[in-house]
Amino acid sequence: HSLIVVCIALLAILAHFLTANSQDYLVYQRELISQGQL
């Protein structure tokens, strides 16, 4: 019941502490999605 919830929480926490450049590579960005970064 809890393992997958914990994993999602940890991924969100990890993503929050990534460098700004790394976060820029992951954010939903409409123009970049249209260029194939699905």
PDB file of all heavy atoms in Angstrom:
ATOM      1  N   HIS A   1       0.804  -1.213   0.000  1.00  0.00           N
ATOM      2  CA  HIS A   1       0.000   0.000   0.000  1.00  0.00           C
ATOM      3  C   HIS A   1       0.841   1.268   0.000  1.00  0.00           C
ATOM      4  O   HIS A   1       0.372   2.318  -0.449  1.00  0.00           O
ATOM      5  CB  HIS A   1      -0.916   0.036   1.225  1.00  0.00           C
ATOM      6  CG  HIS A   1      -1.842  -1.122   1.340  1.00  0.00           C
ATOM      7  ND1 HIS A   1      -2.504  -1.652   0.258  1.00  0.00           N
ATOM      8  CD2 HIS A   1      -2.227  -1.869   2.409  1.00  0.00           C
ATOM      9  CE1 HIS A   1      -3.261  -2.666   0.648  1.00  0.00           C
ATOM     10  NE2 HIS A   1      -3.100  -2.817   1.951  1.00  0.00           N
ATOM     11  N   SER A   2       2.042   1.190   0.521  1.00  0.00           N
ATOM     12  CA  SER A   2       2.803   2.414   0.782  1.00  0.00           C
ATOM     13  C   SER A   2       4.083   2.570  -0.028  1.00  0.00           C
ATOM     14  O   SER A   2       4.562   3.698  -0.206  1.00  0.00           O
ATOM     15  CB  SER A   2       3.150   2.483   2.274  1.00  0.00           C
ATOM     16  OG  SER A   2       3.876   1.321   2.675  1.00  0.00           O
ATOM     17  N   LEU A   3       4.642   1.492  -0.549  1.00  0.00           N
ATOM     18  CA  LEU A   3       5.955   1.567  -1.194  1.00  0.00           C
ATOM     19  C   LEU A   3       5.957   2.512  -2.383  1.00  0.00           C
ATOM     20  O   LEU A   3       6.854   3.358  -2.518  1.00  0.00           O
ATOM     21  CB  LEU A   3       6.401   0.170  -1.627  1.00  0.00           C
ATOM     22  CG  LEU A   3       7.757   0.100  -2.344  1.00  0.00           C
ATOM     23  CD1 LEU A   3       8.866   0.622  -1.427  1.00  0.00           C
ATOM     24  CD2 LEU A   3       8.060  -1.327  -2.785  1.00  0.00           C
ATOM     25  N   ILE A   4       4.951   2.416  -3.250  1.00  0.00           N
ATOM     26  CA  ILE A   4       4.946   3.247  -4.454  1.00  0.00           C
ATOM     27  C   ILE A   4       4.734   4.711  -4.109  1.00  0.00           C
ATOM     28  O   ILE A   4       5.307   5.610  -4.739  1.00  0.00           O
ATOM     29  CB  ILE A   4       3.869   2.748  -5.451  1.00  0.00           C
ATOM     30  CG1 ILE A   4       3.915   3.562  -6.746  1.00  0.00           C
ATOM     31  CG2 ILE A   4       2.478   2.802  -4.843  1.00  0.00           C
ATOM     32  CD1 ILE A   4       5.224   3.426  -7.490  1.00  0.00           C
ATOM     33  N   VAL A   5       3.957   4.981  -3.054  1.00  0.00           N
ATOM     34  CA  VAL A   5       3.749   6.364  -2.618  1.00  0.00           C
ATOM     35  C   VAL A   5       5.059   6.955  -2.101  1.00  0.00           C
ATOM     36  O   VAL A   5       5.400   8.098  -2.404  1.00  0.00           O
ATOM     37  CB  VAL A   5       2.658   6.424  -1.535  1.00  0.00           C
ATOM     38  CG1 VAL A   5       2.475   7.858  -1.042  1.00  0.00           C
ATOM     39  CG2 VAL A   5       1.343   5.881  -2.068  1.00  0.00           C
ATOM     40  N   VAL A   6       5.792   6.178  -1.323  1.00  0.00           N
ATOM     41  CA  VAL A   6       7.088   6.626  -0.813  1.00  0.00           C
ATOM     42  C   VAL A   6       8.050   6.896  -1.965  1.00  0.00           C
ATOM     43  O   VAL A   6       8.780   7.898  -1.964  1.00  0.00           O
ATOM     44  CB  VAL A   6       7.678   5.585   0.152  1.00  0.00           C
ATOM     45  CG1 VAL A   6       9.109   5.933   0.522  1.00  0.00           C
ATOM     46  CG2 VAL A   6       6.817   5.466   1.405  1.00  0.00           C
ATOM     47  N   CYS A   7       8.050   6.040  -2.969  1.00  0.00           N
ATOM     48  CA  CYS A   7       8.939   6.220  -4.124  1.00  0.00           C
ATOM     49  C   CYS A   7       8.625   7.513  -4.874  1.00  0.00           C
ATOM     50  O   CYS A   7       9.537   8.254  -5.279  1.00  0.00           O
ATOM     51  CB  CYS A   7       8.827   5.031  -5.066  1.00  0.00           C
ATOM     52  SG  CYS A   7       9.562   3.502  -4.423  1.00  0.00           S
ATOM     53  N   ILE A   8       7.347   7.797  -5.053  1.00  0.00           N
ATOM     54  CA  ILE A   8       6.953   9.027  -5.747  1.00  0.00           C
ATOM     55  C   ILE A   8       7.364  10.247  -4.936  1.00  0.00           C
ATOM     56  O   ILE A   8       7.877  11.234  -5.480  1.00  0.00           O
ATOM     57  CB  ILE A   8       5.431   9.017  -6.009  1.00  0.00           C
ATOM     58  CG1 ILE A   8       5.107   7.993  -7.102  1.00  0.00           C
ATOM     59  CG2 ILE A   8       4.935  10.408  -6.419  1.00  0.00           C
ATOM     60  CD1 ILE A   8       3.628   7.730  -7.283  1.00  0.00           C
ATOM     61  N   ALA A   9       7.156  10.187  -3.626  1.00  0.00           N
ATOM     62  CA  ALA A   9       7.564  11.297  -2.761  1.00  0.00           C
ATOM     63  C   ALA A   9       9.072  11.516  -2.841  1.00  0.00           C
ATOM     64  O   ALA A   9       9.541  12.662  -2.944  1.00  0.00           O
ATOM     65  CB  ALA A   9       7.137  11.017  -1.327  1.00  0.00           C
ATOM     66  N   LEU A  10       9.853  10.444  -2.812  1.00  0.00           N
ATOM     67  CA  LEU A  10      11.306  10.568  -2.883  1.00  0.00           C
ATOM     68  C   LEU A  10      11.764  11.126  -4.225  1.00  0.00           C
ATOM     69  O   LEU A  10      12.705  11.929  -4.284  1.00  0.00           O
ATOM     70  CB  LEU A  10      11.957   9.206  -2.623  1.00  0.00           C
ATOM     71  CG  LEU A  10      11.842   8.667  -1.198  1.00  0.00           C
ATOM     72  CD1 LEU A  10      12.442   7.272  -1.096  1.00  0.00           C
ATOM     73  CD2 LEU A  10      12.532   9.607  -0.208  1.00  0.00           C
ATOM     74  N   LEU A  11      11.106  10.719  -5.303  1.00  0.00           N
ATOM     75  CA  LEU A  11      11.449  11.252  -6.618  1.00  0.00           C
ATOM     76  C   LEU A  11      11.173  12.749  -6.685  1.00  0.00           C
ATOM     77  O   LEU A  11      11.959  13.513  -7.260  1.00  0.00           O
ATOM     78  CB  LEU A  11      10.665  10.520  -7.708  1.00  0.00           C
ATOM     79  CG  LEU A  11      11.140   9.107  -8.052  1.00  0.00           C
ATOM     80  CD1 LEU A  11      10.163   8.436  -9.015  1.00  0.00           C
ATOM     81  CD2 LEU A  11      12.539   9.125  -8.652  1.00  0.00           C
ATOM     82  N   ALA A  12      10.057  13.182  -6.111  1.00  0.00           N
ATOM     83  CA  ALA A  12       9.722  14.608  -6.108  1.00  0.00           C
ATOM     84  C   ALA A  12      10.740  15.394  -5.270  1.00  0.00           C
ATOM     85  O   ALA A  12      11.161  16.490  -5.660  1.00  0.00           O
ATOM     86  CB  ALA A  12       8.308  14.812  -5.565  1.00  0.00           C
ATOM     87  N   ILE A  13      11.135  14.834  -4.130  1.00  0.00           N
ATOM     88  CA  ILE A  13      12.125  15.498  -3.284  1.00  0.00           C
ATOM     89  C   ILE A  13      13.473  15.568  -3.999  1.00  0.00           C
ATOM     90  O   ILE A  13      14.152  16.606  -3.995  1.00  0.00           O
ATOM     91  CB  ILE A  13      12.257  14.765  -1.937  1.00  0.00           C
ATOM     92  CG1 ILE A  13      10.959  14.902  -1.135  1.00  0.00           C
ATOM     93  CG2 ILE A  13      13.434  15.301  -1.141  1.00  0.00           C
ATOM     94  CD1 ILE A  13      10.903  14.013   0.094  1.00  0.00           C
ATOM     95  N   LEU A  14      13.862  14.462  -4.624  1.00  0.00           N
ATOM     96  CA  LEU A  14      15.122  14.436  -5.368  1.00  0.00           C
ATOM     97  C   LEU A  14      15.109  15.460  -6.502  1.00  0.00           C
ATOM     98  O   LEU A  14      16.082  16.198  -6.693  1.00  0.00           O
ATOM     99  CB  LEU A  14      15.355  13.037  -5.931  1.00  0.00           C
ATOM    100  CG  LEU A  14      16.584  12.857  -6.841  1.00  0.00           C
ATOM    101  CD1 LEU A  14      17.859  13.147  -6.063  1.00  0.00           C
ATOM    102  CD2 LEU A  14      16.618  11.446  -7.415  1.00  0.00           C
ATOM    103  N   ALA A  15      14.000  15.513  -7.244  1.00  0.00           N
ATOM    104  CA  ALA A  15      13.897  16.459  -8.352  1.00  0.00           C
ATOM    105  C   ALA A  15      14.005  17.901  -7.859  1.00  0.00           C
ATOM    106  O   ALA A  15      14.564  18.765  -8.549  1.00  0.00           O
ATOM    107  CB  ALA A  15      12.569  16.252  -9.087  1.00  0.00           C
ATOM    108  N   HIS A  16      13.486  18.159  -6.650  1.00  0.00           N
ATOM    109  CA  HIS A  16      13.514  19.520  -6.115  1.00  0.00           C
ATOM    110  C   HIS A  16      14.946  19.984  -5.840  1.00  0.00           C
ATOM    111  O   HIS A  16      15.230  21.192  -5.937  1.00  0.00           O
ATOM    112  CB  HIS A  16      12.693  19.578  -4.826  1.00  0.00           C
ATOM    113  CG  HIS A  16      12.592  20.948  -4.240  1.00  0.00           C
ATOM    114  ND1 HIS A  16      11.858  21.954  -4.842  1.00  0.00           N
ATOM    115  CD2 HIS A  16      13.144  21.492  -3.116  1.00  0.00           C
ATOM    116  CE1 HIS A  16      11.952  23.055  -4.115  1.00  0.00           C
ATOM    117  NE2 HIS A  16      12.724  22.802  -3.068  1.00  0.00           N
ATOM    118  N   PHE A  17      15.830  19.057  -5.522  1.00  0.00           N
ATOM    119  CA  PHE A  17      17.195  19.425  -5.165  1.00  0.00           C
ATOM    120  C   PHE A  17      18.179  19.263  -6.326  1.00  0.00           C
ATOM    121  O   PHE A  17      19.389  19.388  -6.134  1.00  0.00           O
ATOM    122  CB  PHE A  17      17.661  18.615  -3.953  1.00  0.00           C
ATOM    123  CG  PHE A  17      16.984  19.037  -2.675  1.00  0.00           C
ATOM    124  CD1 PHE A  17      15.939  18.297  -2.159  1.00  0.00           C
ATOM    125  CD2 PHE A  17      17.378  20.193  -2.026  1.00  0.00           C
ATOM    126  CE1 PHE A  17      15.303  18.693  -0.990  1.00  0.00           C
ATOM    127  CE2 PHE A  17      16.759  20.595  -0.856  1.00  0.00           C
ATOM    128  CZ  PHE A  17      15.710  19.854  -0.335  1.00  0.00           C
ATOM    129  N   LEU A  18      17.660  18.997  -7.510  1.00  0.00           N
ATOM    130  CA  LEU A  18      18.521  18.989  -8.686  1.00  0.00           C
ATOM    131  C   LEU A  18      18.976  20.399  -9.015  1.00  0.00           C
ATOM    132  O   LEU A  18      18.361  21.387  -8.603  1.00  0.00           O
ATOM    133  CB  LEU A  18      17.760  18.407  -9.887  1.00  0.00           C
ATOM    134  CG  LEU A  18      17.419  16.919  -9.849  1.00  0.00           C
ATOM    135  CD1 LEU A  18      16.541  16.556 -11.048  1.00  0.00           C
ATOM    136  CD2 LEU A  18      18.676  16.056  -9.830  1.00  0.00           C
ATOM    137  N   THR A  19      20.050  20.513  -9.748  1.00  0.00           N
ATOM    138  CA  THR A  19      20.504  21.827 -10.190  1.00  0.00           C
ATOM    139  C   THR A  19      19.473  22.429 -11.142  1.00  0.00           C
ATOM    140  O   THR A  19      18.655  21.718 -11.744  1.00  0.00           O
ATOM    141  CB  THR A  19      21.848  21.719 -10.907  1.00  0.00           C
ATOM    142  OG1 THR A  19      21.681  20.939 -12.105  1.00  0.00           O
ATOM    143  CG2 THR A  19      22.892  21.077 -10.010  1.00  0.00           C
ATOM    144  N   ALA A  20      19.509  23.735 -11.276  1.00  0.00           N
ATOM    145  CA  ALA A  20      18.573  24.434 -12.160  1.00  0.00           C
ATOM    146  C   ALA A  20      18.688  23.931 -13.598  1.00  0.00           C
ATOM    147  O   ALA A  20      17.683  23.772 -14.304  1.00  0.00           O
ATOM    148  CB  ALA A  20      18.819  25.935 -12.099  1.00  0.00           C
ATOM    149  N   ASN A  21      19.897  23.653 -14.045  1.00  0.00           N
ATOM    150  CA  ASN A  21      20.098  23.148 -15.408  1.00  0.00           C
ATOM    151  C   ASN A  21      19.455  21.782 -15.590  1.00  0.00           C
ATOM    152  O   ASN A  21      18.853  21.497 -16.634  1.00  0.00           O
ATOM    153  CB  ASN A  21      21.590  23.069 -15.726  1.00  0.00           C
ATOM    154  CG  ASN A  21      22.215  24.434 -15.919  1.00  0.00           C
ATOM    155  OD1 ASN A  21      21.521  25.406 -16.238  1.00  0.00           O
ATOM    156  ND2 ASN A  21      23.524  24.530 -15.733  1.00  0.00           N
ATOM    157  N   SER A  22      19.564  20.929 -14.577  1.00  0.00           N
ATOM    158  CA  SER A  22      18.952  19.604 -14.656  1.00  0.00           C
ATOM    159  C   SER A  22      17.431  19.713 -14.658  1.00  0.00           C
ATOM    160  O   SER A  22      16.744  19.002 -15.398  1.00  0.00           O
ATOM    161  CB  SER A  22      19.416  18.741 -13.481  1.00  0.00           C
ATOM    162  OG  SER A  22      20.811  18.524 -13.533  1.00  0.00           O
ATOM    163  N   GLN A  23      16.885  20.612 -13.836  1.00  0.00           N
ATOM    164  CA  GLN A  23      15.444  20.802 -13.792  1.00  0.00           C
ATOM    165  C   GLN A  23      14.921  21.321 -15.124  1.00  0.00           C
ATOM    166  O   GLN A  23      13.841  20.928 -15.568  1.00  0.00           O
ATOM    167  CB  GLN A  23      15.070  21.754 -12.659  1.00  0.00           C
ATOM    168  CG  GLN A  23      15.266  21.167 -11.270  1.00  0.00           C
ATOM    169  CD  GLN A  23      14.793  22.101 -10.181  1.00  0.00           C
ATOM    170  OE1 GLN A  23      14.518  23.278 -10.428  1.00  0.00           O
ATOM    171  NE2 GLN A  23      14.691  21.591  -8.968  1.00  0.00           N
ATOM    172  N   ASP A  24      15.688  22.189 -15.752  1.00  0.00           N
ATOM    173  CA  ASP A  24      15.280  22.714 -17.062  1.00  0.00           C
ATOM    174  C   ASP A  24      15.142  21.603 -18.096  1.00  0.00           C
ATOM    175  O   ASP A  24      14.383  21.742 -19.063  1.00  0.00           O
ATOM    176  CB  ASP A  24      16.299  23.743 -17.561  1.00  0.00           C
ATOM    177  CG  ASP A  24      16.224  25.048 -16.791  1.00  0.00           C
ATOM    178  OD1 ASP A  24      15.204  25.286 -16.118  1.00  0.00           O
ATOM    179  OD2 ASP A  24      17.209  25.824 -16.848  1.00  0.00           O
ATOM    180  N   TYR A  25      15.842  20.528 -17.900  1.00  0.00           N
ATOM    181  CA  TYR A  25      15.805  19.402 -18.837  1.00  0.00           C
ATOM    182  C   TYR A  25      14.575  18.511 -18.597  1.00  0.00           C
ATOM    183  O   TYR A  25      14.259  17.649 -19.413  1.00  0.00           O
ATOM    184  CB  TYR A  25      17.086  18.574 -18.686  1.00  0.00           C
ATOM    185  CG  TYR A  25      17.362  17.609 -19.815  1.00  0.00           C
ATOM    186  CD1 TYR A  25      17.633  18.065 -21.099  1.00  0.00           C
ATOM    187  CD2 TYR A  25      17.348  16.237 -19.594  1.00  0.00           C
ATOM    188  CE1 TYR A  25      17.888  17.181 -22.135  1.00  0.00           C
ATOM    189  CE2 TYR A  25      17.600  15.344 -20.619  1.00  0.00           C
ATOM    190  CZ  TYR A  25      17.871  15.822 -21.893  1.00  0.00           C
ATOM    191  OH  TYR A  25      18.129  14.936 -22.913  1.00  0.00           O
ATOM    192  N   LEU A  26      13.857  18.742 -17.483  1.00  0.00           N
ATOM    193  CA  LEU A  26      12.747  17.865 -17.105  1.00  0.00           C
ATOM    194  C   LEU A  26      11.380  18.549 -17.115  1.00  0.00           C
ATOM    195  O   LEU A  26      10.353  17.873 -17.219  1.00  0.00           O
ATOM    196  CB  LEU A  26      12.997  17.295 -15.698  1.00  0.00           C
ATOM    197  CG  LEU A  26      14.246  16.442 -15.508  1.00  0.00           C
ATOM    198  CD1 LEU A  26      14.418  16.084 -14.038  1.00  0.00           C
ATOM    199  CD2 LEU A  26      14.178  15.179 -16.358  1.00  0.00           C
ATOM    200  N   VAL A  27      11.339  19.854 -16.991  1.00  0.00           N
ATOM    201  CA  VAL A  27      10.086  20.576 -16.828  1.00  0.00           C
ATOM    202  C   VAL A  27       9.185  20.414 -18.064  1.00  0.00           C
ATOM    203  O   VAL A  27       9.677  20.277 -19.189  1.00  0.00           O
ATOM    204  CB  VAL A  27      10.380  22.070 -16.563  1.00  0.00           C
ATOM    205  CG1 VAL A  27      11.004  22.725 -17.771  1.00  0.00           C
ATOM    206  CG2 VAL A  27       9.122  22.817 -16.151  1.00  0.00           C
ATOM    207  N   TYR A  28       7.855  20.410 -17.832  1.00  0.00           N
ATOM    208  CA  TYR A  28       6.906  20.479 -18.950  1.00  0.00           C
ATOM    209  C   TYR A  28       7.101  21.830 -19.628  1.00  0.00           C
ATOM    210  O   TYR A  28       6.849  22.881 -19.025  1.00  0.00           O
ATOM    211  CB  TYR A  28       5.466  20.338 -18.433  1.00  0.00           C
ATOM    212  CG  TYR A  28       4.399  20.586 -19.490  1.00  0.00           C
ATOM    213  CD1 TYR A  28       3.728  19.520 -20.083  1.00  0.00           C
ATOM    214  CD2 TYR A  28       4.065  21.885 -19.894  1.00  0.00           C
ATOM    215  CE1 TYR A  28       2.743  19.750 -21.045  1.00  0.00           C
ATOM    216  CE2 TYR A  28       3.103  22.114 -20.861  1.00  0.00           C
ATOM    217  CZ  TYR A  28       2.447  21.057 -21.434  1.00  0.00           C
ATOM    218  OH  TYR A  28       1.473  21.282 -22.388  1.00  0.00           O
ATOM    219  N   GLN A  29       7.558  21.782 -20.865  1.00  0.00           N
ATOM    220  CA  GLN A  29       7.793  22.998 -21.632  1.00  0.00           C
ATOM    221  C   GLN A  29       7.227  22.772 -23.032  1.00  0.00           C
ATOM    222  O   GLN A  29       7.727  21.953 -23.793  1.00  0.00           O
ATOM    223  CB  GLN A  29       9.287  23.309 -21.681  1.00  0.00           C
ATOM    224  CG  GLN A  29       9.670  24.760 -21.529  1.00  0.00           C
ATOM    225  CD  GLN A  29       9.308  25.597 -22.743  1.00  0.00           C
ATOM    226  OE1 GLN A  29       9.034  25.084 -23.826  1.00  0.00           O
ATOM    227  NE2 GLN A  29       9.291  26.905 -22.568  1.00  0.00           N
ATOM    228  N   ARG A  30       6.171  23.495 -23.358  1.00  0.00           N
ATOM    229  CA  ARG A  30       5.381  23.207 -24.555  1.00  0.00           C
ATOM    230  C   ARG A  30       6.217  23.187 -25.833  1.00  0.00           C
ATOM    231  O   ARG A  30       6.115  22.251 -26.638  1.00  0.00           O
ATOM    232  CB  ARG A  30       4.253  24.242 -24.674  1.00  0.00           C
ATOM    233  CG  ARG A  30       3.350  24.007 -25.874  1.00  0.00           C
ATOM    234  CD  ARG A  30       2.228  25.018 -25.956  1.00  0.00           C
ATOM    235  NE  ARG A  30       1.434  24.745 -27.129  1.00  0.00           N
ATOM    236  CZ  ARG A  30       0.454  23.857 -27.182  1.00  0.00           C
ATOM    237  NH1 ARG A  30       0.149  23.151 -26.106  1.00  0.00           N
ATOM    238  NH2 ARG A  30      -0.224  23.649 -28.293  1.00  0.00           N
ATOM    239  N   GLU A  31       7.042  24.183 -26.019  1.00  0.00           N
ATOM    240  CA  GLU A  31       7.813  24.270 -27.256  1.00  0.00           C
ATOM    241  C   GLU A  31       8.770  23.093 -27.398  1.00  0.00           C
ATOM    242  O   GLU A  31       8.909  22.517 -28.487  1.00  0.00           O
ATOM    243  CB  GLU A  31       8.586  25.586 -27.291  1.00  0.00           C
ATOM    244  CG  GLU A  31       9.405  25.767 -28.570  1.00  0.00           C
ATOM    245  CD  GLU A  31      10.137  27.094 -28.601  1.00  0.00           C
ATOM    246  OE1 GLU A  31       9.910  27.915 -27.684  1.00  0.00           O
ATOM    247  OE2 GLU A  31      10.945  27.285 -29.525  1.00  0.00           O
ATOM    248  N   LEU A  32       9.413  22.712 -26.302  1.00  0.00           N
ATOM    249  CA  LEU A  32      10.372  21.614 -26.362  1.00  0.00           C
ATOM    250  C   LEU A  32       9.671  20.267 -26.535  1.00  0.00           C
ATOM    251  O   LEU A  32      10.210  19.362 -27.182  1.00  0.00           O
ATOM    252  CB  LEU A  32      11.238  21.616 -25.111  1.00  0.00           C
ATOM    253  CG  LEU A  32      12.130  22.858 -24.951  1.00  0.00           C
ATOM    254  CD1 LEU A  32      12.879  22.820 -23.633  1.00  0.00           C
ATOM    255  CD2 LEU A  32      13.099  22.973 -26.124  1.00  0.00           C
ATOM    256  N   ILE A  33       8.477  20.128 -25.989  1.00  0.00           N
ATOM    257  CA  ILE A  33       7.699  18.909 -26.214  1.00  0.00           C
ATOM    258  C   ILE A  33       7.347  18.788 -27.689  1.00  0.00           C
ATOM    259  O   ILE A  33       7.425  17.705 -28.279  1.00  0.00           O
ATOM    260  CB  ILE A  33       6.428  18.907 -25.341  1.00  0.00           C
ATOM    261  CG1 ILE A  33       6.803  18.727 -23.863  1.00  0.00           C
ATOM    262  CG2 ILE A  33       5.474  17.790 -25.766  1.00  0.00           C
ATOM    263  CD1 ILE A  33       5.649  18.915 -22.911  1.00  0.00           C
ATOM    264  N   SER A  34       6.988  19.914 -28.311  1.00  0.00           N
ATOM    265  CA  SER A  34       6.654  19.900 -29.737  1.00  0.00           C
ATOM    266  C   SER A  34       7.858  19.543 -30.591  1.00  0.00           C
ATOM    267  O   SER A  34       7.704  19.111 -31.736  1.00  0.00           O
ATOM    268  CB  SER A  34       6.103  21.268 -30.155  1.00  0.00           C
ATOM    269  OG  SER A  34       7.111  22.266 -30.098  1.00  0.00           O
ATOM    270  N   GLN A  35       9.062  19.691 -30.017  1.00  0.00           N
ATOM    271  CA  GLN A  35      10.282  19.327 -30.743  1.00  0.00           C
ATOM    272  C   GLN A  35      10.691  17.878 -30.497  1.00  0.00           C
ATOM    273  O   GLN A  35      11.736  17.439 -30.965  1.00  0.00           O
ATOM    274  CB  GLN A  35      11.417  20.264 -30.315  1.00  0.00           C
ATOM    275  CG  GLN A  35      11.189  21.710 -30.711  1.00  0.00           C
ATOM    276  CD  GLN A  35      12.259  22.643 -30.185  1.00  0.00           C
ATOM    277  OE1 GLN A  35      13.310  22.199 -29.698  1.00  0.00           O
ATOM    278  NE2 GLN A  35      12.024  23.945 -30.271  1.00  0.00           N
ATOM    279  N   GLY A  36       9.856  17.143 -29.758  1.00  0.00           N
ATOM    280  CA  GLY A  36      10.102  15.716 -29.574  1.00  0.00           C
ATOM    281  C   GLY A  36      10.590  15.295 -28.203  1.00  0.00           C
ATOM    282  O   GLY A  36      10.839  14.103 -27.984  1.00  0.00           O
ATOM    283  N   GLN A  37      10.718  16.227 -27.253  1.00  0.00           N
ATOM    284  CA  GLN A  37      11.179  15.868 -25.916  1.00  0.00           C
ATOM    285  C   GLN A  37       9.991  15.397 -25.075  1.00  0.00           C
ATOM    286  O   GLN A  37       9.557  16.049 -24.119  1.00  0.00           O
ATOM    287  CB  GLN A  37      11.901  17.062 -25.275  1.00  0.00           C
ATOM    288  CG  GLN A  37      13.148  17.473 -26.042  1.00  0.00           C
ATOM    289  CD  GLN A  37      13.936  18.580 -25.357  1.00  0.00           C
ATOM    290  OE1 GLN A  37      13.747  18.862 -24.172  1.00  0.00           O
ATOM    291  NE2 GLN A  37      14.831  19.215 -26.100  1.00  0.00           N
ATOM    292  N   LEU A  38       9.498  14.221 -25.422  1.00  0.00           N
ATOM    293  CA  LEU A  38       8.234  13.733 -24.873  1.00  0.00           C
ATOM    294  C   LEU A  38       8.330  13.317 -23.410  1.00  0.00           C
ATOM    295  O   LEU A  38       7.299  13.226 -22.739  1.00  0.00           O
ATOM    296  CB  LEU A  38       7.732  12.558 -25.717  1.00  0.00           C
ATOM    297  CG  LEU A  38       7.472  12.858 -27.203  1.00  0.00           C
ATOM    298  CD1 LEU A  38       6.942  11.611 -27.913  1.00  0.00           C
ATOM    299  CD2 LEU A  38       6.496  14.021 -27.364  1.00  0.00           C
TER     300      LEU A  38
END
